[in-house]
């Protein structure tokens, strides 16, 4: 497994409560297979990763995809949960959730 992917999954695994609170779904893709939410069982996939330009040019990429299906953030190095959460927490839908919660 790619060392960046291992590092990314470790970052995320430490913050499962924060992931759940922000309704994040973790999907890991590799060639023609994928796994969801830290599941070690990989399934077949026919998803065309060419839609994600960075993925076709780098061995590792991480994407934050919004509920609207648009790419909100991407990078080719692991992202810390602190950075990920700070990106999400300034989004309008998240701000609204926090206002309603408080």
N, C-alpha and C. Protein backbone atom coordinates (compact mmCIF):
# COMPACT_ATOMS: atom_id res chain seq x y z
N UNK A 1 0.85 -1.18 0.00
CA UNK A 1 0.00 0.00 0.00
C UNK A 1 0.90 1.24 0.00
N UNK A 2 0.50 2.25 -0.70
CA UNK A 2 1.22 3.51 -0.81
C UNK A 2 1.44 4.13 0.58
N UNK A 3 2.68 4.58 0.85
CA UNK A 3 3.00 5.13 2.18
C UNK A 3 2.19 6.38 2.51
N UNK A 4 1.89 7.20 1.51
CA UNK A 4 1.06 8.38 1.75
C UNK A 4 -0.37 7.98 2.13
N UNK A 5 -0.87 6.94 1.49
CA UNK A 5 -2.21 6.45 1.81
C UNK A 5 -2.25 5.91 3.24
N UNK A 6 -1.24 5.16 3.63
CA UNK A 6 -1.17 4.63 4.99
C UNK A 6 -1.16 5.79 6.00
N UNK A 7 -0.36 6.81 5.71
CA UNK A 7 -0.28 7.98 6.59
C UNK A 7 -1.63 8.70 6.66
N UNK A 8 -2.29 8.87 5.51
CA UNK A 8 -3.58 9.56 5.47
C UNK A 8 -4.62 8.80 6.27
N UNK A 9 -4.69 7.51 6.08
CA UNK A 9 -5.67 6.71 6.81
C UNK A 9 -5.41 6.74 8.32
N UNK A 10 -4.14 6.81 8.71
CA UNK A 10 -3.80 6.91 10.13
C UNK A 10 -4.29 8.25 10.70
N UNK A 11 -4.07 9.34 9.96
CA UNK A 11 -4.58 10.65 10.40
C UNK A 11 -6.09 10.58 10.63
N UNK A 12 -6.80 10.04 9.65
CA UNK A 12 -8.25 10.01 9.69
C UNK A 12 -8.78 9.07 10.78
N UNK A 13 -8.12 7.93 10.95
CA UNK A 13 -8.58 6.94 11.92
C UNK A 13 -8.56 7.48 13.35
N UNK A 14 -7.66 8.42 13.62
CA UNK A 14 -7.56 9.00 14.96
C UNK A 14 -8.69 9.97 15.25
N UNK A 15 -9.43 10.37 14.24
CA UNK A 15 -10.47 11.40 14.39
C UNK A 15 -11.83 10.93 13.89
N UNK A 16 -12.15 9.67 14.15
CA UNK A 16 -13.41 9.12 13.62
C UNK A 16 -14.64 9.89 14.11
N UNK A 17 -14.59 10.38 15.34
CA UNK A 17 -15.73 11.15 15.85
C UNK A 17 -15.91 12.45 15.05
N UNK A 18 -14.81 13.13 14.75
CA UNK A 18 -14.87 14.35 13.95
C UNK A 18 -15.33 14.07 12.53
N UNK A 19 -14.91 12.94 11.98
CA UNK A 19 -15.36 12.55 10.64
C UNK A 19 -16.86 12.32 10.63
N UNK A 20 -17.33 11.61 11.64
CA UNK A 20 -18.76 11.30 11.73
C UNK A 20 -19.57 12.59 11.93
N UNK A 21 -19.09 13.47 12.79
CA UNK A 21 -19.79 14.73 13.05
C UNK A 21 -19.94 15.55 11.77
N UNK A 22 -18.94 15.49 10.91
CA UNK A 22 -18.96 16.26 9.65
C UNK A 22 -19.51 15.45 8.49
N UNK A 23 -20.02 14.26 8.79
CA UNK A 23 -20.67 13.38 7.81
C UNK A 23 -19.73 13.01 6.66
N UNK A 24 -18.45 12.77 6.99
CA UNK A 24 -17.48 12.41 5.96
C UNK A 24 -17.51 10.92 5.67
N UNK A 25 -17.45 10.60 4.41
CA UNK A 25 -17.35 9.22 3.97
C UNK A 25 -15.95 9.08 3.36
N UNK A 26 -15.20 8.13 3.83
CA UNK A 26 -13.85 7.90 3.34
C UNK A 26 -13.89 6.82 2.28
N UNK A 27 -13.49 7.16 1.07
CA UNK A 27 -13.45 6.19 -0.02
C UNK A 27 -12.03 6.16 -0.54
N UNK A 28 -11.43 4.98 -0.56
CA UNK A 28 -10.07 4.80 -1.04
C UNK A 28 -10.13 4.07 -2.37
N UNK A 29 -9.55 4.69 -3.40
CA UNK A 29 -9.55 4.08 -4.74
C UNK A 29 -8.14 3.69 -5.14
N UNK A 30 -8.04 2.57 -5.84
CA UNK A 30 -6.78 2.12 -6.39
C UNK A 30 -7.07 1.32 -7.66
N UNK A 31 -6.58 1.83 -8.77
CA UNK A 31 -6.81 1.16 -10.06
C UNK A 31 -8.30 0.88 -10.26
N UNK A 32 -8.69 -0.40 -10.24
CA UNK A 32 -10.08 -0.78 -10.50
C UNK A 32 -10.80 -1.29 -9.25
N UNK A 33 -10.40 -0.82 -8.08
CA UNK A 33 -11.04 -1.27 -6.85
C UNK A 33 -11.14 -0.12 -5.85
N UNK A 34 -11.98 -0.31 -4.85
CA UNK A 34 -12.15 0.72 -3.83
C UNK A 34 -12.54 0.09 -2.50
N UNK A 35 -12.37 0.85 -1.43
CA UNK A 35 -12.81 0.46 -0.10
C UNK A 35 -13.46 1.68 0.53
N UNK A 36 -14.39 1.44 1.44
CA UNK A 36 -15.10 2.54 2.09
C UNK A 36 -14.89 2.52 3.60
N UNK A 37 -14.74 3.71 4.17
CA UNK A 37 -14.72 3.91 5.62
C UNK A 37 -13.84 2.91 6.37
N UNK A 38 -12.58 2.83 6.00
CA UNK A 38 -11.58 2.02 6.68
C UNK A 38 -11.80 0.51 6.57
N UNK A 39 -12.67 0.09 5.67
CA UNK A 39 -12.92 -1.33 5.46
C UNK A 39 -11.72 -1.95 4.76
N UNK A 40 -11.28 -3.09 5.23
CA UNK A 40 -10.11 -3.73 4.60
C UNK A 40 -10.50 -4.55 3.38
N UNK A 41 -11.80 -4.73 3.15
CA UNK A 41 -12.27 -5.47 1.99
C UNK A 41 -12.42 -4.52 0.81
N UNK A 42 -11.69 -4.78 -0.26
CA UNK A 42 -11.76 -3.95 -1.47
C UNK A 42 -12.76 -4.56 -2.44
N UNK A 43 -13.49 -3.70 -3.15
CA UNK A 43 -14.49 -4.15 -4.11
C UNK A 43 -14.13 -3.64 -5.51
N UNK A 44 -14.66 -4.32 -6.51
CA UNK A 44 -14.41 -3.92 -7.89
C UNK A 44 -15.08 -2.59 -8.19
N UNK A 45 -14.44 -1.81 -9.07
CA UNK A 45 -14.98 -0.51 -9.43
C UNK A 45 -14.77 -0.23 -10.91
N UNK A 46 -15.73 0.45 -11.50
CA UNK A 46 -15.60 0.88 -12.89
C UNK A 46 -15.54 2.39 -12.98
N UNK A 47 -15.26 3.05 -11.87
CA UNK A 47 -15.19 4.51 -11.84
C UNK A 47 -13.99 4.98 -12.64
N UNK A 48 -14.20 5.97 -13.49
CA UNK A 48 -13.14 6.55 -14.31
C UNK A 48 -12.44 7.64 -13.52
N UNK A 49 -11.22 7.36 -13.05
CA UNK A 49 -10.49 8.33 -12.24
C UNK A 49 -9.92 9.48 -13.06
N UNK A 50 -10.04 9.45 -14.37
CA UNK A 50 -9.55 10.55 -15.20
C UNK A 50 -10.30 11.84 -14.89
N UNK A 51 -11.49 11.72 -14.29
CA UNK A 51 -12.25 12.90 -13.89
C UNK A 51 -11.45 13.72 -12.88
N UNK A 52 -10.62 13.04 -12.12
CA UNK A 52 -9.78 13.68 -11.12
C UNK A 52 -8.37 13.80 -11.68
N UNK A 53 -8.07 14.93 -12.29
CA UNK A 53 -6.82 15.11 -13.03
C UNK A 53 -5.58 14.75 -12.22
N UNK A 54 -5.52 15.17 -10.96
CA UNK A 54 -4.35 14.86 -10.14
C UNK A 54 -4.15 13.36 -9.98
N UNK A 55 -5.25 12.61 -9.89
CA UNK A 55 -5.14 11.18 -9.66
C UNK A 55 -4.45 10.48 -10.82
N UNK A 56 -4.60 10.98 -12.03
CA UNK A 56 -3.98 10.31 -13.17
C UNK A 56 -2.50 10.69 -13.32
N UNK A 57 -2.06 11.74 -12.61
CA UNK A 57 -0.68 12.20 -12.74
C UNK A 57 0.19 11.87 -11.53
N UNK A 58 -0.40 11.50 -10.42
CA UNK A 58 0.34 11.22 -9.20
C UNK A 58 -0.04 9.87 -8.64
N UNK A 59 0.87 9.31 -7.86
CA UNK A 59 0.58 8.03 -7.24
C UNK A 59 -0.40 8.17 -6.09
N UNK A 60 -0.48 9.39 -5.54
CA UNK A 60 -1.36 9.62 -4.40
C UNK A 60 -2.04 10.98 -4.55
N UNK A 61 -3.31 11.02 -4.31
CA UNK A 61 -4.07 12.28 -4.27
C UNK A 61 -5.20 12.11 -3.28
N UNK A 62 -5.55 13.21 -2.64
CA UNK A 62 -6.70 13.22 -1.73
C UNK A 62 -7.65 14.31 -2.23
N UNK A 63 -8.94 13.98 -2.21
CA UNK A 63 -9.96 14.92 -2.69
C UNK A 63 -11.04 15.07 -1.63
N UNK A 64 -11.46 16.30 -1.41
CA UNK A 64 -12.63 16.57 -0.58
C UNK A 64 -13.74 16.92 -1.57
N UNK A 65 -14.74 16.07 -1.60
CA UNK A 65 -15.84 16.25 -2.55
C UNK A 65 -17.08 16.65 -1.77
N UNK A 66 -17.68 17.74 -2.16
CA UNK A 66 -18.85 18.26 -1.48
C UNK A 66 -20.11 17.46 -1.77
N UNK A 67 -21.15 17.75 -1.03
CA UNK A 67 -22.43 17.08 -1.24
C UNK A 67 -22.99 17.35 -2.63
N UNK A 68 -22.54 18.44 -3.25
CA UNK A 68 -22.98 18.75 -4.61
C UNK A 68 -22.17 18.00 -5.67
N UNK A 69 -21.18 17.22 -5.24
CA UNK A 69 -20.35 16.44 -6.18
C UNK A 69 -19.13 17.18 -6.68
N UNK A 70 -18.98 18.43 -6.33
CA UNK A 70 -17.83 19.22 -6.78
C UNK A 70 -16.62 19.01 -5.88
N UNK A 71 -15.44 19.15 -6.48
CA UNK A 71 -14.21 19.03 -5.72
C UNK A 71 -13.98 20.33 -4.96
N UNK A 72 -13.94 20.24 -3.64
CA UNK A 72 -13.77 21.42 -2.78
C UNK A 72 -12.30 21.64 -2.43
N UNK A 73 -11.52 20.58 -2.44
CA UNK A 73 -10.09 20.68 -2.13
C UNK A 73 -9.42 19.43 -2.65
N UNK A 74 -8.18 19.59 -3.13
CA UNK A 74 -7.39 18.42 -3.53
C UNK A 74 -5.92 18.72 -3.27
N UNK A 75 -5.18 17.67 -3.00
CA UNK A 75 -3.73 17.81 -2.86
C UNK A 75 -3.09 16.44 -3.05
N UNK A 76 -1.79 16.45 -3.27
CA UNK A 76 -1.07 15.22 -3.58
C UNK A 76 -0.21 14.75 -2.41
N UNK A 77 -0.48 15.27 -1.23
CA UNK A 77 0.16 14.83 0.01
C UNK A 77 -0.94 14.60 1.04
N UNK A 78 -0.68 13.78 2.04
CA UNK A 78 -1.70 13.56 3.06
C UNK A 78 -2.12 14.89 3.71
N UNK A 79 -3.39 14.99 4.04
CA UNK A 79 -3.93 16.19 4.69
C UNK A 79 -4.20 15.86 6.15
N UNK A 80 -3.81 16.74 7.04
CA UNK A 80 -4.08 16.51 8.45
C UNK A 80 -5.57 16.72 8.72
N UNK A 81 -6.06 16.09 9.75
CA UNK A 81 -7.47 16.28 10.08
C UNK A 81 -7.73 17.72 10.53
N UNK A 82 -6.75 18.34 11.15
CA UNK A 82 -6.90 19.74 11.55
C UNK A 82 -7.16 20.62 10.32
N UNK A 83 -6.37 20.43 9.28
CA UNK A 83 -6.54 21.19 8.04
C UNK A 83 -7.85 20.83 7.37
N UNK A 84 -8.14 19.55 7.28
CA UNK A 84 -9.38 19.09 6.65
C UNK A 84 -10.60 19.68 7.36
N UNK A 85 -10.62 19.60 8.68
CA UNK A 85 -11.75 20.11 9.43
C UNK A 85 -11.87 21.63 9.30
N UNK A 86 -10.74 22.33 9.23
CA UNK A 86 -10.80 23.79 9.10
C UNK A 86 -11.38 24.19 7.73
N UNK A 87 -11.11 23.40 6.71
CA UNK A 87 -11.69 23.66 5.38
C UNK A 87 -13.19 23.45 5.43
N UNK A 88 -13.60 22.35 6.02
CA UNK A 88 -15.02 22.00 6.09
C UNK A 88 -15.79 22.98 6.97
N UNK A 89 -15.21 23.34 8.09
CA UNK A 89 -15.93 24.15 9.07
C UNK A 89 -16.24 25.57 8.63
N UNK A 90 -15.63 26.04 7.55
CA UNK A 90 -15.97 27.37 7.03
C UNK A 90 -16.96 27.31 5.87
N UNK A 91 -17.36 26.10 5.49
CA UNK A 91 -18.32 25.95 4.40
C UNK A 91 -19.71 26.34 4.88
N UNK A 92 -20.51 26.96 4.03
CA UNK A 92 -21.83 27.45 4.44
C UNK A 92 -22.73 26.39 5.08
N UNK A 93 -22.79 25.19 4.53
CA UNK A 93 -23.66 24.17 5.10
C UNK A 93 -23.20 23.77 6.51
N UNK A 94 -21.89 23.70 6.70
CA UNK A 94 -21.35 23.33 8.02
C UNK A 94 -21.62 24.45 9.02
N UNK A 95 -21.44 25.70 8.61
CA UNK A 95 -21.72 26.82 9.50
C UNK A 95 -23.19 26.80 9.95
N UNK A 96 -24.07 26.50 9.00
CA UNK A 96 -25.50 26.41 9.32
C UNK A 96 -25.76 25.29 10.33
N UNK A 97 -25.12 24.12 10.11
CA UNK A 97 -25.27 23.00 11.05
C UNK A 97 -24.83 23.42 12.47
N UNK A 98 -23.72 24.10 12.55
CA UNK A 98 -23.19 24.52 13.84
C UNK A 98 -24.11 25.53 14.53
N UNK A 99 -24.69 26.45 13.74
CA UNK A 99 -25.63 27.43 14.31
C UNK A 99 -26.86 26.74 14.87
N UNK A 100 -27.39 25.78 14.13
CA UNK A 100 -28.58 25.05 14.55
C UNK A 100 -28.27 24.21 15.79
N UNK A 101 -27.09 23.59 15.80
CA UNK A 101 -26.67 22.74 16.93
C UNK A 101 -26.54 23.54 18.21
N UNK A 102 -26.04 24.78 18.10
CA UNK A 102 -25.82 25.62 19.29
C UNK A 102 -27.03 26.44 19.50
